[in-house]
């Protein structure tokens, strides 16, 4: 688990599966079974876990923000809000 982003509004964690736990697949889907991203919406106290194609879209969008030079907190929070709006799981501390 890696903390990728942490602001007053959101936190983004990346989860990676080790080679021993990842299912063995071939083809374009093989790159998508390496884990995913957890987005925590602090204000709404909700979280969502992105995996598969949705995680790939999130990664590509984040990389595009950086490449375009739009990686300010305001831009990043706005980008994350698009995915955090899908969050339905209440945030529970354990």
N, C-alpha and C. Protein backbone atom coordinates (compact mmCIF):
# COMPACT_ATOMS: atom_id res chain seq x y z
N UNK A 1 0.85 -1.16 0.00
CA UNK A 1 0.00 0.00 0.00
C UNK A 1 0.90 1.23 0.00
N UNK A 2 0.57 2.19 -0.88
CA UNK A 2 1.32 3.43 -0.99
C UNK A 2 0.36 4.61 -0.96
N UNK A 3 0.67 5.60 -0.14
CA UNK A 3 -0.10 6.83 -0.12
C UNK A 3 0.37 7.66 -1.31
N UNK A 4 -0.53 7.90 -2.27
CA UNK A 4 -0.18 8.67 -3.46
C UNK A 4 -0.53 10.14 -3.33
N UNK A 5 -1.60 10.41 -2.58
CA UNK A 5 -2.08 11.78 -2.50
C UNK A 5 -2.84 11.95 -1.20
N UNK A 6 -2.67 13.12 -0.58
CA UNK A 6 -3.38 13.41 0.66
C UNK A 6 -3.60 14.91 0.75
N UNK A 7 -4.86 15.32 0.68
CA UNK A 7 -5.22 16.74 0.84
C UNK A 7 -6.27 16.83 1.93
N UNK A 8 -6.78 18.02 2.15
CA UNK A 8 -7.84 18.17 3.15
C UNK A 8 -9.11 17.47 2.71
N UNK A 9 -9.31 17.30 1.40
CA UNK A 9 -10.54 16.72 0.88
C UNK A 9 -10.44 15.23 0.58
N UNK A 10 -9.29 14.77 0.07
CA UNK A 10 -9.17 13.39 -0.40
C UNK A 10 -7.85 12.76 0.00
N UNK A 11 -7.87 11.43 0.04
CA UNK A 11 -6.65 10.63 0.15
C UNK A 11 -6.75 9.55 -0.90
N UNK A 12 -5.63 9.25 -1.55
CA UNK A 12 -5.59 8.20 -2.56
C UNK A 12 -4.48 7.23 -2.19
N UNK A 13 -4.85 5.96 -2.08
CA UNK A 13 -3.89 4.91 -1.77
C UNK A 13 -3.80 3.95 -2.95
N UNK A 14 -2.61 3.46 -3.22
CA UNK A 14 -2.42 2.48 -4.28
C UNK A 14 -2.11 1.14 -3.65
N UNK A 15 -2.79 0.12 -4.12
CA UNK A 15 -2.57 -1.25 -3.65
C UNK A 15 -2.00 -2.05 -4.81
N UNK A 16 -0.94 -2.79 -4.55
CA UNK A 16 -0.34 -3.64 -5.56
C UNK A 16 -0.30 -5.07 -5.06
N UNK A 17 -0.67 -6.00 -5.92
CA UNK A 17 -0.60 -7.41 -5.58
C UNK A 17 0.79 -7.92 -5.90
N UNK A 18 1.34 -8.77 -5.04
CA UNK A 18 2.63 -9.36 -5.34
C UNK A 18 2.45 -10.40 -6.44
N UNK A 19 3.52 -10.78 -7.08
CA UNK A 19 3.45 -11.73 -8.19
C UNK A 19 2.80 -13.04 -7.78
N UNK A 20 2.97 -13.45 -6.53
CA UNK A 20 2.40 -14.71 -6.07
C UNK A 20 0.90 -14.67 -5.87
N UNK A 21 0.32 -13.48 -5.67
CA UNK A 21 -1.12 -13.39 -5.42
C UNK A 21 -1.91 -12.96 -6.65
N UNK A 22 -1.23 -12.45 -7.67
CA UNK A 22 -1.94 -12.00 -8.86
C UNK A 22 -2.33 -13.20 -9.72
N UNK A 23 -3.56 -13.23 -10.21
CA UNK A 23 -3.96 -14.31 -11.11
C UNK A 23 -3.12 -14.24 -12.38
N UNK A 24 -2.79 -15.39 -12.94
CA UNK A 24 -2.00 -15.38 -14.16
C UNK A 24 -2.94 -15.25 -15.35
N UNK A 25 -2.80 -14.14 -16.05
CA UNK A 25 -3.58 -13.92 -17.26
C UNK A 25 -2.62 -13.46 -18.35
N UNK A 26 -3.06 -13.56 -19.56
CA UNK A 26 -2.27 -13.09 -20.68
C UNK A 26 -3.09 -12.10 -21.46
N UNK A 27 -2.42 -11.33 -22.27
CA UNK A 27 -3.11 -10.35 -23.10
C UNK A 27 -3.22 -9.01 -22.41
N UNK A 28 -4.05 -8.11 -22.95
CA UNK A 28 -4.15 -6.75 -22.41
C UNK A 28 -4.67 -6.70 -20.98
N UNK A 29 -5.46 -7.69 -20.56
CA UNK A 29 -5.99 -7.70 -19.21
C UNK A 29 -4.92 -7.96 -18.16
N UNK A 30 -3.77 -8.51 -18.55
CA UNK A 30 -2.72 -8.86 -17.60
C UNK A 30 -2.23 -7.63 -16.84
N UNK A 31 -2.17 -6.47 -17.50
CA UNK A 31 -1.68 -5.26 -16.85
C UNK A 31 -2.67 -4.72 -15.83
N UNK A 32 -3.91 -5.18 -15.85
CA UNK A 32 -4.95 -4.62 -15.00
C UNK A 32 -5.17 -5.40 -13.72
N UNK A 33 -4.48 -6.50 -13.51
CA UNK A 33 -4.72 -7.31 -12.33
C UNK A 33 -3.63 -7.11 -11.28
N UNK A 34 -3.04 -5.93 -11.23
CA UNK A 34 -1.97 -5.67 -10.29
C UNK A 34 -2.42 -4.91 -9.06
N UNK A 35 -3.69 -4.78 -8.83
CA UNK A 35 -4.16 -4.05 -7.67
C UNK A 35 -5.12 -2.97 -8.07
N UNK A 36 -5.09 -1.87 -7.32
CA UNK A 36 -6.02 -0.79 -7.62
C UNK A 36 -5.77 0.41 -6.74
N UNK A 37 -6.76 1.28 -6.69
CA UNK A 37 -6.66 2.53 -5.94
C UNK A 37 -7.85 2.68 -5.01
N UNK A 38 -7.58 3.12 -3.80
CA UNK A 38 -8.64 3.45 -2.86
C UNK A 38 -8.69 4.96 -2.75
N UNK A 39 -9.88 5.52 -2.97
CA UNK A 39 -10.09 6.96 -2.84
C UNK A 39 -10.96 7.19 -1.63
N UNK A 40 -10.48 8.04 -0.74
CA UNK A 40 -11.22 8.38 0.47
C UNK A 40 -11.67 9.82 0.36
N UNK A 41 -12.98 10.03 0.40
CA UNK A 41 -13.57 11.36 0.41
C UNK A 41 -13.76 11.73 1.88
N UNK A 42 -12.91 12.60 2.37
CA UNK A 42 -12.90 12.92 3.80
C UNK A 42 -14.16 13.68 4.23
N UNK A 43 -14.65 14.58 3.40
CA UNK A 43 -15.82 15.37 3.78
C UNK A 43 -17.08 14.51 3.82
N UNK A 44 -17.24 13.64 2.83
CA UNK A 44 -18.43 12.79 2.77
C UNK A 44 -18.27 11.53 3.62
N UNK A 45 -17.06 11.28 4.10
CA UNK A 45 -16.75 10.09 4.90
C UNK A 45 -17.17 8.82 4.16
N UNK A 46 -16.75 8.77 2.90
CA UNK A 46 -17.02 7.61 2.04
C UNK A 46 -15.72 7.22 1.34
N UNK A 47 -15.68 5.96 0.89
CA UNK A 47 -14.51 5.51 0.15
C UNK A 47 -14.94 4.61 -1.00
N UNK A 48 -14.05 4.48 -1.96
CA UNK A 48 -14.29 3.60 -3.11
C UNK A 48 -12.96 2.95 -3.49
N UNK A 49 -13.03 1.71 -3.92
CA UNK A 49 -11.86 0.99 -4.40
C UNK A 49 -12.01 0.80 -5.89
N UNK A 50 -11.03 1.29 -6.65
CA UNK A 50 -11.05 1.17 -8.10
C UNK A 50 -10.10 0.07 -8.52
N UNK A 51 -10.57 -0.82 -9.39
CA UNK A 51 -9.70 -1.85 -9.94
C UNK A 51 -10.07 -2.08 -11.40
N UNK A 52 -9.28 -2.83 -12.09
CA UNK A 52 -9.55 -3.15 -13.48
C UNK A 52 -9.51 -1.93 -14.38
N UNK A 53 -10.45 -1.86 -15.30
CA UNK A 53 -10.47 -0.77 -16.28
C UNK A 53 -10.69 0.59 -15.64
N UNK A 54 -11.47 0.65 -14.58
CA UNK A 54 -11.69 1.92 -13.90
C UNK A 54 -10.39 2.42 -13.26
N UNK A 55 -9.61 1.51 -12.68
CA UNK A 55 -8.31 1.89 -12.11
C UNK A 55 -7.36 2.36 -13.21
N UNK A 56 -7.40 1.69 -14.33
CA UNK A 56 -6.56 2.09 -15.47
C UNK A 56 -6.93 3.49 -15.95
N UNK A 57 -8.23 3.77 -16.03
CA UNK A 57 -8.68 5.10 -16.43
C UNK A 57 -8.24 6.16 -15.42
N UNK A 58 -8.32 5.83 -14.13
CA UNK A 58 -7.87 6.76 -13.09
C UNK A 58 -6.37 7.05 -13.24
N UNK A 59 -5.57 6.00 -13.42
CA UNK A 59 -4.12 6.16 -13.57
C UNK A 59 -3.78 7.01 -14.79
N UNK A 60 -4.42 6.72 -15.91
CA UNK A 60 -4.15 7.47 -17.14
C UNK A 60 -4.56 8.94 -16.99
N UNK A 61 -5.68 9.19 -16.33
CA UNK A 61 -6.12 10.57 -16.11
C UNK A 61 -5.17 11.34 -15.21
N UNK A 62 -4.69 10.69 -14.17
CA UNK A 62 -3.74 11.33 -13.25
C UNK A 62 -2.42 11.63 -13.97
N UNK A 63 -1.96 10.70 -14.79
CA UNK A 63 -0.74 10.93 -15.55
C UNK A 63 -0.92 12.06 -16.55
N UNK A 64 -2.09 12.17 -17.15
CA UNK A 64 -2.37 13.26 -18.10
C UNK A 64 -2.36 14.61 -17.40
N UNK A 65 -2.87 14.67 -16.16
CA UNK A 65 -2.82 15.92 -15.39
C UNK A 65 -1.38 16.37 -15.17
N UNK A 66 -0.54 15.44 -14.78
CA UNK A 66 0.86 15.76 -14.53
C UNK A 66 1.55 16.19 -15.82
N UNK A 67 1.31 15.45 -16.91
CA UNK A 67 1.93 15.76 -18.19
C UNK A 67 1.51 17.13 -18.70
N UNK A 68 0.27 17.53 -18.42
CA UNK A 68 -0.24 18.82 -18.88
C UNK A 68 0.16 19.96 -17.94
N UNK A 69 0.85 19.64 -16.86
CA UNK A 69 1.25 20.66 -15.91
C UNK A 69 0.12 21.15 -15.03
N UNK A 70 -0.94 20.36 -14.93
CA UNK A 70 -2.11 20.75 -14.14
C UNK A 70 -2.20 19.94 -12.85
N UNK A 71 -1.08 19.82 -12.18
CA UNK A 71 -1.07 18.98 -10.98
C UNK A 71 -1.14 19.80 -9.69
N UNK A 72 -1.80 20.96 -9.75
CA UNK A 72 -2.01 21.72 -8.52
C UNK A 72 -3.06 21.00 -7.68
N UNK A 73 -3.11 21.31 -6.42
CA UNK A 73 -4.07 20.65 -5.52
C UNK A 73 -5.50 20.86 -6.02
N UNK A 74 -5.80 22.04 -6.51
CA UNK A 74 -7.15 22.33 -7.01
C UNK A 74 -7.51 21.42 -8.20
N UNK A 75 -6.59 21.29 -9.14
CA UNK A 75 -6.85 20.43 -10.31
C UNK A 75 -6.96 18.97 -9.92
N UNK A 76 -6.06 18.53 -9.04
CA UNK A 76 -6.06 17.12 -8.64
C UNK A 76 -7.34 16.81 -7.86
N UNK A 77 -7.72 17.66 -6.93
CA UNK A 77 -8.96 17.43 -6.17
C UNK A 77 -10.18 17.39 -7.10
N UNK A 78 -10.20 18.25 -8.10
CA UNK A 78 -11.31 18.26 -9.06
C UNK A 78 -11.35 16.95 -9.84
N UNK A 79 -10.19 16.46 -10.26
CA UNK A 79 -10.11 15.19 -10.98
C UNK A 79 -10.59 14.04 -10.10
N UNK A 80 -10.11 13.99 -8.87
CA UNK A 80 -10.48 12.91 -7.94
C UNK A 80 -11.97 12.96 -7.63
N UNK A 81 -12.54 14.14 -7.55
CA UNK A 81 -13.98 14.28 -7.26
C UNK A 81 -14.83 13.53 -8.27
N UNK A 82 -14.37 13.46 -9.51
CA UNK A 82 -15.11 12.73 -10.53
C UNK A 82 -15.24 11.25 -10.23
N UNK A 83 -14.24 10.69 -9.57
CA UNK A 83 -14.28 9.28 -9.19
C UNK A 83 -14.89 9.12 -7.80
N UNK A 84 -14.61 10.05 -6.91
CA UNK A 84 -15.12 9.96 -5.54
C UNK A 84 -16.64 10.05 -5.51
N UNK A 85 -17.23 10.67 -6.52
CA UNK A 85 -18.69 10.75 -6.59
C UNK A 85 -19.35 9.38 -6.70
N UNK A 86 -18.58 8.38 -7.08
CA UNK A 86 -19.09 7.01 -7.18
C UNK A 86 -19.07 6.27 -5.84
N UNK A 87 -18.42 6.86 -4.85
CA UNK A 87 -18.22 6.19 -3.56
C UNK A 87 -19.54 5.98 -2.83
N UNK A 88 -19.77 4.75 -2.39
CA UNK A 88 -20.97 4.41 -1.65
C UNK A 88 -20.64 3.80 -0.28
N UNK A 89 -19.42 3.32 -0.14
CA UNK A 89 -19.00 2.63 1.08
C UNK A 89 -18.70 3.65 2.17
N UNK A 90 -19.40 3.57 3.32
CA UNK A 90 -19.09 4.50 4.42
C UNK A 90 -17.67 4.24 4.95
N UNK A 91 -17.00 5.29 5.32
CA UNK A 91 -15.66 5.19 5.87
C UNK A 91 -15.77 4.75 7.32
N UNK A 92 -15.12 3.63 7.65
CA UNK A 92 -15.16 3.07 8.98
C UNK A 92 -13.73 2.92 9.48
N UNK A 93 -13.45 3.42 10.62
CA UNK A 93 -12.12 3.27 11.23
C UNK A 93 -12.08 1.99 12.02
N UNK A 94 -11.03 1.21 11.87
CA UNK A 94 -10.89 0.02 12.69
C UNK A 94 -9.60 0.04 13.43
